[in-house]
Amino acid sequence: MALGDRPIRLALIGCGEVTRAKHLPALSQVPEIRVLAVCDRDPTRSRDVARQFRIPRHCDNAGEILGMPDLDAVGVCTDPGSHAALAIAVIRTGRPVWVDKPLALCPEDCLRMLDEAARARVTAMTGFHMRFHRLVRQARELIRRGELGPVQCLRAVWHSPRGDDNLPIWRK
């Protein structure tokens, strides 16, 4: 995972709850990755996150991240409506990009990101972390072995400790 003798130098755009509570704590445990910068439209939030996780740089403008010459990859952890524009901007810098889920709000934006990544020959991916969950892998294996017969429909229910009162419009 590391690049030669040094860790992968990463920046994250978006310092919301998932970045603070999930991504950065996990990344801080990976010695092959060094988060060099965080960015959020709210300068107080990016400053506080940088301080909490001992990240050397913070900003409130994604353009600053795009212009940093010492980055190897960028993670986009913003609201889904901004994923396509930010991911494409990262891809156009020639850097790999990881985009939090959902990838975008419409298929056209997903296809635009794919086209840009293919044209630039840049790795672009999205984070569907539950695909590695033991129960998901177990279900996949049952389906693969044909033990369930032909699958015609699938319904999945996911429970989260968060309430549904303040869901953004794209999640309703």
N, C-alpha and C. Protein backbone atom coordinates (compact mmCIF):
# COMPACT_ATOMS: atom_id res chain seq x y z
N MET A 1 0.82 -1.19 0.00
CA MET A 1 0.00 0.00 0.00
C MET A 1 0.86 1.26 0.00
N ALA A 2 1.94 1.28 0.74
CA ALA A 2 2.81 2.45 0.78
C ALA A 2 3.50 2.62 -0.57
N LEU A 3 3.99 3.80 -0.83
CA LEU A 3 4.70 4.09 -2.07
C LEU A 3 6.21 4.02 -1.80
N GLY A 4 6.78 2.91 -2.13
CA GLY A 4 8.21 2.76 -1.89
C GLY A 4 8.51 2.75 -0.41
N ASP A 5 9.29 3.71 0.01
CA ASP A 5 9.70 3.76 1.41
C ASP A 5 8.95 4.81 2.22
N ARG A 6 7.86 5.34 1.67
CA ARG A 6 7.10 6.35 2.39
C ARG A 6 5.61 6.04 2.34
N PRO A 7 4.87 6.58 3.34
CA PRO A 7 3.42 6.34 3.33
C PRO A 7 2.73 7.10 2.20
N ILE A 8 1.54 6.62 1.85
CA ILE A 8 0.69 7.33 0.90
C ILE A 8 0.24 8.62 1.55
N ARG A 9 0.39 9.73 0.83
CA ARG A 9 0.03 11.05 1.35
C ARG A 9 -1.37 11.40 0.86
N LEU A 10 -2.28 11.54 1.82
CA LEU A 10 -3.70 11.65 1.52
C LEU A 10 -4.27 12.97 2.04
N ALA A 11 -5.27 13.48 1.34
CA ALA A 11 -6.07 14.61 1.82
C ALA A 11 -7.53 14.18 1.76
N LEU A 12 -8.32 14.69 2.69
CA LEU A 12 -9.76 14.43 2.71
C LEU A 12 -10.51 15.74 2.55
N ILE A 13 -11.47 15.74 1.64
CA ILE A 13 -12.35 16.89 1.47
C ILE A 13 -13.67 16.53 2.12
N GLY A 14 -14.03 17.28 3.15
CA GLY A 14 -15.25 17.02 3.91
C GLY A 14 -14.91 16.50 5.30
N CYS A 15 -15.30 17.24 6.31
CA CYS A 15 -14.97 16.89 7.70
C CYS A 15 -16.22 16.67 8.53
N GLY A 16 -17.22 16.05 7.95
CA GLY A 16 -18.45 15.79 8.67
C GLY A 16 -18.33 14.63 9.64
N GLU A 17 -19.49 14.20 10.13
CA GLU A 17 -19.54 13.17 11.17
C GLU A 17 -18.82 11.88 10.78
N VAL A 18 -19.04 11.40 9.58
CA VAL A 18 -18.43 10.13 9.17
C VAL A 18 -16.91 10.26 9.07
N THR A 19 -16.44 11.37 8.55
CA THR A 19 -14.99 11.60 8.48
C THR A 19 -14.41 11.61 9.88
N ARG A 20 -15.05 12.35 10.78
CA ARG A 20 -14.53 12.48 12.16
C ARG A 20 -14.66 11.19 12.96
N ALA A 21 -15.80 10.51 12.82
CA ALA A 21 -16.06 9.37 13.69
C ALA A 21 -15.61 8.03 13.10
N LYS A 22 -15.46 7.96 11.79
CA LYS A 22 -15.13 6.68 11.15
C LYS A 22 -13.81 6.72 10.38
N HIS A 23 -13.75 7.57 9.34
CA HIS A 23 -12.60 7.53 8.43
C HIS A 23 -11.29 7.90 9.11
N LEU A 24 -11.25 9.03 9.77
CA LEU A 24 -9.97 9.46 10.36
C LEU A 24 -9.50 8.56 11.50
N PRO A 25 -10.39 8.09 12.38
CA PRO A 25 -9.90 7.13 13.38
C PRO A 25 -9.32 5.86 12.74
N ALA A 26 -9.97 5.37 11.68
CA ALA A 26 -9.46 4.17 11.00
C ALA A 26 -8.13 4.47 10.30
N LEU A 27 -8.07 5.59 9.58
CA LEU A 27 -6.84 5.94 8.86
C LEU A 27 -5.66 6.16 9.81
N SER A 28 -5.95 6.65 11.01
CA SER A 28 -4.86 6.88 11.97
C SER A 28 -4.22 5.58 12.43
N GLN A 29 -4.88 4.46 12.16
CA GLN A 29 -4.35 3.15 12.54
C GLN A 29 -3.58 2.47 11.41
N VAL A 30 -3.50 3.12 10.25
CA VAL A 30 -2.83 2.52 9.09
C VAL A 30 -1.48 3.22 8.88
N PRO A 31 -0.39 2.56 9.24
CA PRO A 31 0.92 3.22 9.15
C PRO A 31 1.34 3.55 7.72
N GLU A 32 0.73 2.89 6.73
CA GLU A 32 1.10 3.16 5.33
C GLU A 32 0.40 4.37 4.75
N ILE A 33 -0.42 5.04 5.55
CA ILE A 33 -1.14 6.24 5.09
C ILE A 33 -0.87 7.38 6.05
N ARG A 34 -0.62 8.55 5.48
CA ARG A 34 -0.45 9.77 6.27
C ARG A 34 -1.41 10.81 5.73
N VAL A 35 -2.35 11.25 6.56
CA VAL A 35 -3.29 12.30 6.14
C VAL A 35 -2.58 13.63 6.33
N LEU A 36 -2.33 14.32 5.22
CA LEU A 36 -1.60 15.59 5.25
C LEU A 36 -2.51 16.81 5.36
N ALA A 37 -3.77 16.66 4.91
CA ALA A 37 -4.64 17.84 4.89
C ALA A 37 -6.10 17.41 4.94
N VAL A 38 -6.91 18.28 5.55
CA VAL A 38 -8.36 18.14 5.52
C VAL A 38 -8.97 19.45 5.06
N CYS A 39 -10.13 19.35 4.46
CA CYS A 39 -10.81 20.53 3.93
C CYS A 39 -12.29 20.43 4.24
N ASP A 40 -12.88 21.55 4.61
CA ASP A 40 -14.31 21.62 4.83
C ASP A 40 -14.75 23.05 4.57
N ARG A 41 -15.97 23.23 4.04
CA ARG A 41 -16.47 24.60 3.82
C ARG A 41 -16.51 25.40 5.10
N ASP A 42 -16.65 24.71 6.22
CA ASP A 42 -16.66 25.36 7.52
C ASP A 42 -15.23 25.39 8.06
N PRO A 43 -14.58 26.55 8.04
CA PRO A 43 -13.17 26.61 8.45
C PRO A 43 -12.94 26.19 9.90
N THR A 44 -13.91 26.43 10.75
CA THR A 44 -13.77 26.01 12.15
C THR A 44 -13.75 24.49 12.24
N ARG A 45 -14.61 23.85 11.47
CA ARG A 45 -14.66 22.39 11.48
C ARG A 45 -13.35 21.79 10.97
N SER A 46 -12.84 22.29 9.85
CA SER A 46 -11.58 21.73 9.33
C SER A 46 -10.42 21.98 10.30
N ARG A 47 -10.41 23.14 10.92
CA ARG A 47 -9.36 23.43 11.90
C ARG A 47 -9.44 22.49 13.09
N ASP A 48 -10.66 22.29 13.60
CA ASP A 48 -10.84 21.42 14.76
C ASP A 48 -10.48 19.97 14.44
N VAL A 49 -10.88 19.50 13.27
CA VAL A 49 -10.55 18.13 12.86
C VAL A 49 -9.05 17.97 12.69
N ALA A 50 -8.42 18.94 12.07
CA ALA A 50 -6.95 18.88 11.90
C ALA A 50 -6.26 18.83 13.26
N ARG A 51 -6.73 19.63 14.17
CA ARG A 51 -6.13 19.65 15.52
C ARG A 51 -6.36 18.31 16.22
N GLN A 52 -7.59 17.81 16.18
CA GLN A 52 -7.92 16.56 16.86
C GLN A 52 -7.10 15.38 16.36
N PHE A 53 -6.85 15.32 15.05
CA PHE A 53 -6.15 14.18 14.46
C PHE A 53 -4.70 14.49 14.09
N ARG A 54 -4.21 15.64 14.55
CA ARG A 54 -2.82 16.04 14.30
C ARG A 54 -2.47 16.03 12.82
N ILE A 55 -3.35 16.64 12.04
CA ILE A 55 -3.17 16.74 10.59
C ILE A 55 -2.53 18.10 10.32
N PRO A 56 -1.43 18.13 9.59
CA PRO A 56 -0.67 19.37 9.46
C PRO A 56 -1.37 20.54 8.79
N ARG A 57 -2.28 20.26 7.82
CA ARG A 57 -2.91 21.36 7.08
C ARG A 57 -4.43 21.23 7.09
N HIS A 58 -5.06 22.38 7.03
CA HIS A 58 -6.52 22.41 6.89
C HIS A 58 -6.89 23.64 6.08
N CYS A 59 -8.04 23.55 5.41
CA CYS A 59 -8.49 24.67 4.59
C CYS A 59 -10.01 24.60 4.43
N ASP A 60 -10.57 25.62 3.81
CA ASP A 60 -12.01 25.64 3.58
C ASP A 60 -12.34 25.76 2.09
N ASN A 61 -11.37 25.48 1.23
CA ASN A 61 -11.56 25.58 -0.20
C ASN A 61 -10.91 24.37 -0.86
N ALA A 62 -11.71 23.56 -1.53
CA ALA A 62 -11.18 22.34 -2.17
C ALA A 62 -10.09 22.66 -3.18
N GLY A 63 -10.13 23.85 -3.76
CA GLY A 63 -9.08 24.24 -4.70
C GLY A 63 -7.70 24.21 -4.08
N GLU A 64 -7.62 24.50 -2.79
CA GLU A 64 -6.33 24.42 -2.10
C GLU A 64 -5.81 22.99 -2.08
N ILE A 65 -6.70 22.04 -1.83
CA ILE A 65 -6.31 20.63 -1.83
C ILE A 65 -5.83 20.23 -3.22
N LEU A 66 -6.59 20.62 -4.24
CA LEU A 66 -6.24 20.27 -5.62
C LEU A 66 -4.87 20.82 -6.02
N GLY A 67 -4.49 21.94 -5.44
CA GLY A 67 -3.22 22.57 -5.78
C GLY A 67 -2.03 22.09 -4.96
N MET A 68 -2.25 21.25 -3.98
CA MET A 68 -1.13 20.78 -3.14
C MET A 68 -0.30 19.78 -3.94
N PRO A 69 0.99 20.07 -4.13
CA PRO A 69 1.83 19.20 -4.96
C PRO A 69 2.27 17.92 -4.28
N ASP A 70 2.18 17.85 -2.97
CA ASP A 70 2.75 16.70 -2.25
C ASP A 70 1.72 15.66 -1.84
N LEU A 71 0.61 15.56 -2.57
CA LEU A 71 -0.42 14.57 -2.27
C LEU A 71 -0.38 13.43 -3.28
N ASP A 72 -0.64 12.23 -2.78
CA ASP A 72 -0.71 11.06 -3.66
C ASP A 72 -2.15 10.71 -4.03
N ALA A 73 -3.11 11.02 -3.15
CA ALA A 73 -4.51 10.66 -3.38
C ALA A 73 -5.40 11.58 -2.56
N VAL A 74 -6.68 11.63 -2.95
CA VAL A 74 -7.65 12.48 -2.26
C VAL A 74 -8.92 11.68 -2.02
N GLY A 75 -9.50 11.86 -0.83
CA GLY A 75 -10.79 11.28 -0.51
C GLY A 75 -11.86 12.36 -0.52
N VAL A 76 -13.00 12.07 -1.12
CA VAL A 76 -14.12 13.01 -1.17
C VAL A 76 -15.20 12.49 -0.22
N CYS A 77 -15.41 13.24 0.85
CA CYS A 77 -16.35 12.84 1.91
C CYS A 77 -17.37 13.94 2.17
N THR A 78 -17.89 14.49 1.12
CA THR A 78 -18.82 15.62 1.20
C THR A 78 -20.25 15.11 0.96
N ASP A 79 -21.19 16.03 0.82
CA ASP A 79 -22.54 15.62 0.49
C ASP A 79 -22.56 15.05 -0.93
N PRO A 80 -23.39 14.04 -1.18
CA PRO A 80 -23.38 13.36 -2.48
C PRO A 80 -23.62 14.26 -3.69
N GLY A 81 -24.32 15.36 -3.50
CA GLY A 81 -24.55 16.26 -4.62
C GLY A 81 -23.29 16.92 -5.15
N SER A 82 -22.25 16.93 -4.35
CA SER A 82 -20.98 17.54 -4.78
C SER A 82 -19.93 16.51 -5.19
N HIS A 83 -20.24 15.22 -5.06
CA HIS A 83 -19.25 14.19 -5.34
C HIS A 83 -18.69 14.23 -6.75
N ALA A 84 -19.56 14.33 -7.74
CA ALA A 84 -19.09 14.27 -9.13
C ALA A 84 -18.13 15.40 -9.45
N ALA A 85 -18.52 16.62 -9.14
CA ALA A 85 -17.65 17.77 -9.47
C ALA A 85 -16.31 17.67 -8.75
N LEU A 86 -16.33 17.31 -7.48
CA LEU A 86 -15.07 17.21 -6.74
C LEU A 86 -14.22 16.05 -7.23
N ALA A 87 -14.84 14.90 -7.45
CA ALA A 87 -14.07 13.74 -7.93
C ALA A 87 -13.44 14.03 -9.28
N ILE A 88 -14.19 14.63 -10.18
CA ILE A 88 -13.65 14.96 -11.50
C ILE A 88 -12.51 15.96 -11.38
N ALA A 89 -12.65 16.93 -10.50
CA ALA A 89 -11.56 17.89 -10.29
C ALA A 89 -10.30 17.18 -9.78
N VAL A 90 -10.47 16.23 -8.88
CA VAL A 90 -9.31 15.47 -8.39
C VAL A 90 -8.71 14.65 -9.51
N ILE A 91 -9.54 13.95 -10.26
CA ILE A 91 -9.07 13.12 -11.37
C ILE A 91 -8.26 13.96 -12.35
N ARG A 92 -8.70 15.17 -12.61
CA ARG A 92 -8.00 16.03 -13.57
C ARG A 92 -6.65 16.50 -13.06
N THR A 93 -6.37 16.32 -11.76
CA THR A 93 -5.02 16.60 -11.25
C THR A 93 -4.11 15.39 -11.45
N GLY A 94 -4.69 14.27 -11.91
CA GLY A 94 -3.91 13.06 -12.14
C GLY A 94 -3.78 12.18 -10.90
N ARG A 95 -4.52 12.49 -9.87
CA ARG A 95 -4.44 11.71 -8.63
C ARG A 95 -5.59 10.71 -8.51
N PRO A 96 -5.33 9.59 -7.86
CA PRO A 96 -6.43 8.68 -7.53
C PRO A 96 -7.40 9.36 -6.58
N VAL A 97 -8.66 8.95 -6.68
CA VAL A 97 -9.70 9.53 -5.82
C VAL A 97 -10.56 8.41 -5.26
N TRP A 98 -10.90 8.56 -3.99
CA TRP A 98 -11.85 7.67 -3.31
C TRP A 98 -13.03 8.54 -2.95
N VAL A 99 -14.24 8.08 -3.31
CA VAL A 99 -15.45 8.85 -3.07
C VAL A 99 -16.35 8.08 -2.11
N ASP A 100 -16.77 8.76 -1.04
CA ASP A 100 -17.67 8.12 -0.09
C ASP A 100 -18.99 7.81 -0.78
N LYS A 101 -19.75 6.88 -0.21
CA LYS A 101 -21.03 6.49 -0.79
C LYS A 101 -22.12 7.48 -0.40
N PRO A 102 -23.15 7.60 -1.16
CA PRO A 102 -23.29 7.06 -2.51
C PRO A 102 -22.39 7.81 -3.49
N LEU A 103 -22.00 7.13 -4.54
CA LEU A 103 -21.08 7.72 -5.51
C LEU A 103 -21.62 9.04 -6.05
N ALA A 104 -22.89 9.06 -6.40
CA ALA A 104 -23.52 10.29 -6.92
C ALA A 104 -25.03 10.14 -6.77
N LEU A 105 -25.75 11.16 -7.16
CA LEU A 105 -27.20 11.14 -7.03
C LEU A 105 -27.91 10.73 -8.31
N CYS A 106 -27.17 10.60 -9.40
CA CYS A 106 -27.79 10.16 -10.65
C CYS A 106 -26.77 9.36 -11.47
N PRO A 107 -27.25 8.46 -12.29
CA PRO A 107 -26.34 7.63 -13.10
C PRO A 107 -25.44 8.45 -14.02
N GLU A 108 -25.95 9.56 -14.53
CA GLU A 108 -25.15 10.38 -15.45
C GLU A 108 -23.88 10.89 -14.77
N ASP A 109 -23.99 11.31 -13.51
CA ASP A 109 -22.79 11.77 -12.79
C ASP A 109 -21.81 10.63 -12.56
N CYS A 110 -22.32 9.45 -12.27
CA CYS A 110 -21.45 8.28 -12.09
C CYS A 110 -20.69 8.00 -13.39
N LEU A 111 -21.41 8.03 -14.50
CA LEU A 111 -20.78 7.77 -15.80
C LEU A 111 -19.75 8.84 -16.16
N ARG A 112 -20.04 10.09 -15.82
CA ARG A 112 -19.06 11.16 -16.07
C ARG A 112 -17.77 10.90 -15.29
N MET A 113 -17.91 10.49 -14.03
CA MET A 113 -16.71 10.19 -13.24
C MET A 113 -15.93 9.03 -13.84
N LEU A 114 -16.66 7.97 -14.25
CA LEU A 114 -16.00 6.83 -14.86
C LEU A 114 -15.26 7.23 -16.14
N ASP A 115 -15.92 8.01 -16.98
CA ASP A 115 -15.29 8.46 -18.23
C ASP A 115 -14.04 9.28 -17.96
N GLU A 116 -14.12 10.20 -17.02
CA GLU A 116 -12.95 11.04 -16.69
C GLU A 116 -11.81 10.19 -16.15
N ALA A 117 -12.12 9.23 -15.29
CA ALA A 117 -11.07 8.38 -14.72
C ALA A 117 -10.42 7.52 -15.81
N ALA A 118 -11.23 6.98 -16.71
CA ALA A 118 -10.69 6.17 -17.81
C ALA A 118 -9.81 7.01 -18.72
N ARG A 119 -10.29 8.20 -19.05
CA ARG A 119 -9.53 9.10 -19.93
C ARG A 119 -8.19 9.49 -19.31
N ALA A 120 -8.21 9.75 -17.99
CA ALA A 120 -6.99 10.17 -17.29
C ALA A 120 -6.15 8.99 -16.82
N ARG A 121 -6.69 7.78 -16.97
CA ARG A 121 -6.01 6.57 -16.46
C ARG A 121 -5.68 6.70 -14.98
N VAL A 122 -6.68 7.13 -14.25
CA VAL A 122 -6.56 7.35 -12.80
C VAL A 122 -7.51 6.39 -12.09
N THR A 123 -7.06 5.85 -10.98
CA THR A 123 -7.93 5.00 -10.17
C THR A 123 -8.97 5.86 -9.46
N ALA A 124 -10.22 5.47 -9.62
CA ALA A 124 -11.33 6.15 -8.93
C ALA A 124 -12.21 5.05 -8.36
N MET A 125 -12.56 5.19 -7.09
CA MET A 125 -13.37 4.16 -6.46
C MET A 125 -14.28 4.76 -5.42
N THR A 126 -15.26 3.96 -5.03
CA THR A 126 -16.18 4.41 -4.00
C THR A 126 -16.14 3.43 -2.83
N GLY A 127 -16.55 3.91 -1.69
CA GLY A 127 -16.44 3.14 -0.46
C GLY A 127 -17.71 2.43 -0.07
N PHE A 128 -17.88 1.21 -0.54
CA PHE A 128 -18.98 0.38 -0.08
C PHE A 128 -18.41 -0.61 0.93
N HIS A 129 -18.17 -0.13 2.12
CA HIS A 129 -17.47 -0.92 3.13
C HIS A 129 -18.23 -2.17 3.56
N MET A 130 -19.52 -2.17 3.48
CA MET A 130 -20.28 -3.32 3.96
C MET A 130 -20.14 -4.54 3.05
N ARG A 131 -19.57 -4.37 1.86
CA ARG A 131 -19.40 -5.52 0.98
C ARG A 131 -18.50 -6.57 1.62
N PHE A 132 -17.67 -6.17 2.58
CA PHE A 132 -16.75 -7.09 3.23
C PHE A 132 -17.30 -7.61 4.57
N HIS A 133 -18.49 -7.18 4.93
CA HIS A 133 -19.09 -7.65 6.18
C HIS A 133 -19.31 -9.16 6.09
N ARG A 134 -19.10 -9.86 7.18
CA ARG A 134 -19.18 -11.32 7.18
C ARG A 134 -20.54 -11.82 6.70
N LEU A 135 -21.61 -11.15 7.05
CA LEU A 135 -22.92 -11.62 6.62
C LEU A 135 -23.16 -11.37 5.13
N VAL A 136 -22.63 -10.29 4.61
CA VAL A 136 -22.74 -10.04 3.17
C VAL A 136 -21.93 -11.08 2.40
N ARG A 137 -20.72 -11.36 2.87
CA ARG A 137 -19.90 -12.40 2.21
C ARG A 137 -20.57 -13.76 2.29
N GLN A 138 -21.19 -14.06 3.43
CA GLN A 138 -21.88 -15.32 3.61
C GLN A 138 -23.06 -15.43 2.64
N ALA A 139 -23.83 -14.37 2.50
CA ALA A 139 -24.96 -14.36 1.56
C ALA A 139 -24.46 -14.54 0.13
N ARG A 140 -23.39 -13.86 -0.21
CA ARG A 140 -22.83 -13.99 -1.57
C ARG A 140 -22.44 -15.43 -1.85
N GLU A 141 -21.83 -16.08 -0.89
CA GLU A 141 -21.40 -17.46 -1.07
C GLU A 141 -22.60 -18.39 -1.24
N LEU A 142 -23.66 -18.17 -0.47
CA LEU A 142 -24.87 -18.99 -0.63
C LEU A 142 -25.45 -18.82 -2.03
N ILE A 143 -25.48 -17.60 -2.52
CA ILE A 143 -26.00 -17.33 -3.86
C ILE A 143 -25.10 -17.96 -4.90
N ARG A 144 -23.79 -17.80 -4.74
CA ARG A 144 -22.82 -18.36 -5.69
C ARG A 144 -22.96 -19.87 -5.81
N ARG A 145 -23.18 -20.54 -4.68
CA ARG A 145 -23.32 -22.00 -4.68
C ARG A 145 -24.69 -22.45 -5.17
N GLY A 146 -25.61 -21.53 -5.38
CA GLY A 146 -26.94 -21.87 -5.87
C GLY A 146 -27.85 -22.43 -4.80
N GLU A 147 -27.49 -22.29 -3.55
CA GLU A 147 -28.28 -22.87 -2.45
C GLU A 147 -29.63 -22.18 -2.26
N LEU A 148 -29.78 -20.99 -2.79
CA LEU A 148 -31.04 -20.27 -2.64
C LEU A 148 -31.91 -20.37 -3.89
N GLY A 149 -31.39 -21.02 -4.93
CA GLY A 149 -32.10 -21.04 -6.20
C GLY A 149 -31.89 -19.72 -6.92
N PRO A 150 -32.60 -19.52 -8.01
CA PRO A 150 -32.44 -18.26 -8.74
C PRO A 150 -32.95 -17.08 -7.90
N VAL A 151 -32.13 -16.07 -7.76
CA VAL A 151 -32.51 -14.89 -6.99
C VAL A 151 -33.29 -13.96 -7.92
N GLN A 152 -34.52 -13.68 -7.56
CA GLN A 152 -35.37 -12.82 -8.38
C GLN A 152 -35.55 -11.44 -7.77
N CYS A 153 -35.39 -11.37 -6.47
CA CYS A 153 -35.59 -10.10 -5.79
C CYS A 153 -34.75 -10.12 -4.51
N LEU A 154 -34.31 -8.97 -4.13
CA LEU A 154 -33.54 -8.86 -2.90
C LEU A 154 -34.01 -7.62 -2.16
N ARG A 155 -34.25 -7.78 -0.88
CA ARG A 155 -34.61 -6.64 -0.04
C ARG A 155 -33.66 -6.66 1.14
N ALA A 156 -33.00 -5.55 1.37
CA ALA A 156 -32.05 -5.45 2.48
C ALA A 156 -32.51 -4.34 3.42
N VAL A 157 -32.37 -4.58 4.69
CA VAL A 157 -32.70 -3.59 5.70
C VAL A 157 -31.45 -3.36 6.53
N TRP A 158 -31.09 -2.11 6.68
CA TRP A 158 -29.92 -1.76 7.48
C TRP A 158 -30.38 -0.87 8.61
N HIS A 159 -29.97 -1.20 9.79
CA HIS A 159 -30.34 -0.41 10.96
C HIS A 159 -29.16 0.44 11.38
N SER A 160 -29.43 1.67 11.69
CA SER A 160 -28.40 2.59 12.17
C SER A 160 -28.88 3.21 13.47
N PRO A 161 -27.96 3.50 14.37
CA PRO A 161 -28.38 4.14 15.63
C PRO A 161 -28.82 5.58 15.44
N ARG A 162 -28.59 6.16 14.27
CA ARG A 162 -29.01 7.54 14.02
C ARG A 162 -30.50 7.58 13.74
N GLY A 163 -31.13 8.62 14.19
CA GLY A 163 -32.55 8.82 13.91
C GLY A 163 -32.79 9.27 12.49
N ASP A 164 -34.01 9.19 12.04
CA ASP A 164 -34.39 9.60 10.69
C ASP A 164 -34.97 11.00 10.63
N ASP A 165 -34.98 11.71 11.74
CA ASP A 165 -35.64 13.01 11.79
C ASP A 165 -35.02 14.05 10.87
N ASN A 166 -33.72 14.04 10.75
CA ASN A 166 -33.03 15.09 9.99
C ASN A 166 -32.31 14.54 8.76
N LEU A 167 -32.89 13.56 8.12
CA LEU A 167 -32.26 12.99 6.93
C LEU A 167 -32.22 14.01 5.80
N PRO A 168 -31.10 14.07 5.08
CA PRO A 168 -31.05 14.95 3.90
C PRO A 168 -32.01 14.42 2.83
N ILE A 169 -32.41 15.28 1.93
CA ILE A 169 -33.42 14.95 0.94
C ILE A 169 -33.01 13.75 0.08
N TRP A 170 -31.70 13.60 -0.22
CA TRP A 170 -31.26 12.50 -1.07
C TRP A 170 -31.40 11.14 -0.40
N ARG A 171 -31.58 11.09 0.92
CA ARG A 171 -31.70 9.81 1.62
C ARG A 171 -33.15 9.40 1.84
N LYS A 172 -34.10 10.28 1.56
CA LYS A 172 -35.52 9.98 1.83
C LYS A 172 -36.14 9.20 0.70
